[in-house]
C-alpha cells in the first residue's frame, strides 16, 4: 500500500515537475532536494514572519529560489560553473 503510493507520487512528479527540456542543467535528484528544501525553508519563513520578520523574509527568499530552481531545473550558478570549467574562448591573433 505505502510502496504503491510512493510510486504513484514518483510518477506524478516525473510527469509534471521533473520534465527535462533544453534549459535543464541539474539532475532529478538535485531538483527533488531543491523542491523539498525550498518548501521546508519557505514554510519556516511563513511560520516565523511575525516573531522574526527579517529572518523570515530571508528564509522566504531562499525558499522561493530553491523552489524555482527545483521546478524549472535551471540553475544560474551551475551554468556559470560549467562555463568556467571550459575556460574562455581561444583568440586567434594573426600578424
Protein backbone atom coordinates (compact mmCIF):
# COMPACT_ATOMS: atom_id res chain seq x y z
CA UNK A 1 0.00 0.00 0.00
CA UNK A 2 2.67 2.52 1.01
CA UNK A 3 5.02 1.47 -1.78
CA UNK A 4 2.22 1.89 -4.32
CA UNK A 5 1.55 5.44 -3.04
CA UNK A 6 5.25 6.28 -3.21
CA UNK A 7 5.43 5.01 -6.79
CA UNK A 8 2.30 7.00 -7.68
CA UNK A 9 3.83 10.19 -6.26
CA UNK A 10 7.10 9.48 -8.08
CA UNK A 11 5.29 9.02 -11.38
CA UNK A 12 3.29 12.21 -10.85
CA UNK A 13 6.44 14.19 -10.12
CA UNK A 14 8.24 12.82 -13.17
CA UNK A 15 5.29 13.62 -15.44
CA UNK A 16 4.79 17.19 -14.19
CA UNK A 17 7.60 18.89 -12.29
CA UNK A 18 10.60 16.88 -13.40
CA UNK A 19 10.26 17.07 -17.17
CA UNK A 20 13.54 17.97 -18.80
CA UNK A 21 13.95 20.43 -21.66
CA UNK A 22 16.89 22.16 -23.35
CA UNK A 23 17.35 24.60 -20.46
CA UNK A 24 17.55 21.95 -17.72
CA UNK A 25 21.07 21.80 -16.30
CA UNK A 26 20.57 19.97 -12.98
CA UNK A 27 19.64 16.35 -12.34
CA UNK A 28 16.42 14.89 -10.96
CA UNK A 29 17.83 14.14 -7.51
CA UNK A 30 19.12 17.68 -7.14
CA UNK A 31 15.76 19.04 -8.31
CA UNK A 32 13.82 16.93 -5.80
CA UNK A 33 16.13 18.01 -2.96
CA UNK A 34 15.71 21.65 -4.00
CA UNK A 35 11.91 21.34 -4.01
CA UNK A 36 11.84 19.64 -0.60
CA UNK A 37 14.37 22.02 0.96
CA UNK A 38 12.76 25.10 -0.56
CA UNK A 39 9.32 24.07 0.67
CA UNK A 40 10.63 23.48 4.18
CA UNK A 41 12.51 26.78 4.35
CA UNK A 42 9.59 28.75 2.86
CA UNK A 43 7.11 27.28 5.35
CA UNK A 44 9.56 28.01 8.16
CA UNK A 45 9.73 31.62 6.97
CA UNK A 46 5.94 31.89 6.85
CA UNK A 47 5.68 30.47 10.37
CA UNK A 48 8.23 32.98 11.75
CA UNK A 49 7.01 36.06 9.85
CA UNK A 50 5.63 37.80 12.96
CA UNK A 51 8.18 36.70 15.56
CA UNK A 52 11.28 37.49 13.47
CA UNK A 53 10.36 39.36 10.27
CA UNK A 54 13.89 39.98 8.99
CA UNK A 55 14.96 36.36 9.37
CA UNK A 56 11.63 35.15 7.97
CA UNK A 57 11.96 37.34 4.87
CA UNK A 58 15.40 35.86 4.21
CA UNK A 59 14.01 32.36 4.61
CA UNK A 60 11.19 33.17 2.20
CA UNK A 61 13.63 34.43 -0.43
CA UNK A 62 15.91 31.39 -0.10
CA UNK A 63 12.92 29.03 -0.09
CA UNK A 64 11.49 30.69 -3.21
CA UNK A 65 14.79 30.46 -5.09
CA UNK A 66 15.20 26.78 -4.18
CA UNK A 67 11.63 26.04 -5.30
CA UNK A 68 12.17 27.93 -8.54
CA UNK A 69 15.43 26.03 -9.15
CA UNK A 70 13.82 22.67 -8.42
CA UNK A 71 10.71 23.19 -10.53
CA UNK A 72 12.45 24.78 -13.52
CA UNK A 73 15.53 22.55 -13.47
CA UNK A 74 17.73 25.54 -14.27
CA UNK A 75 20.46 26.92 -12.03
CA UNK A 76 22.42 30.07 -12.89
CA UNK A 77 25.25 29.01 -10.59
CA UNK A 78 25.60 25.61 -12.28
CA UNK A 79 25.69 27.29 -15.68
CA UNK A 80 28.41 29.72 -14.57
CA UNK A 81 30.50 26.89 -13.10
CA UNK A 82 30.13 24.77 -16.26
CA UNK A 83 31.21 27.69 -18.44
CA UNK A 84 34.12 28.48 -16.12
CA UNK A 85 35.46 24.93 -16.39
CA UNK A 86 35.56 25.17 -20.18
CA UNK A 87 37.57 28.39 -19.90
CA UNK A 88 37.50 31.40 -22.18
CA UNK A 89 37.21 31.06 -25.91
CA UNK A 90 40.58 30.95 -27.67
CA UNK A 91 41.58 34.04 -29.64
CA UNK A 92 43.48 33.74 -32.91
CA UNK A 93 46.00 36.53 -33.43
CA UNK A 94 47.27 36.98 -36.97
CA UNK A 95 50.34 39.16 -37.61
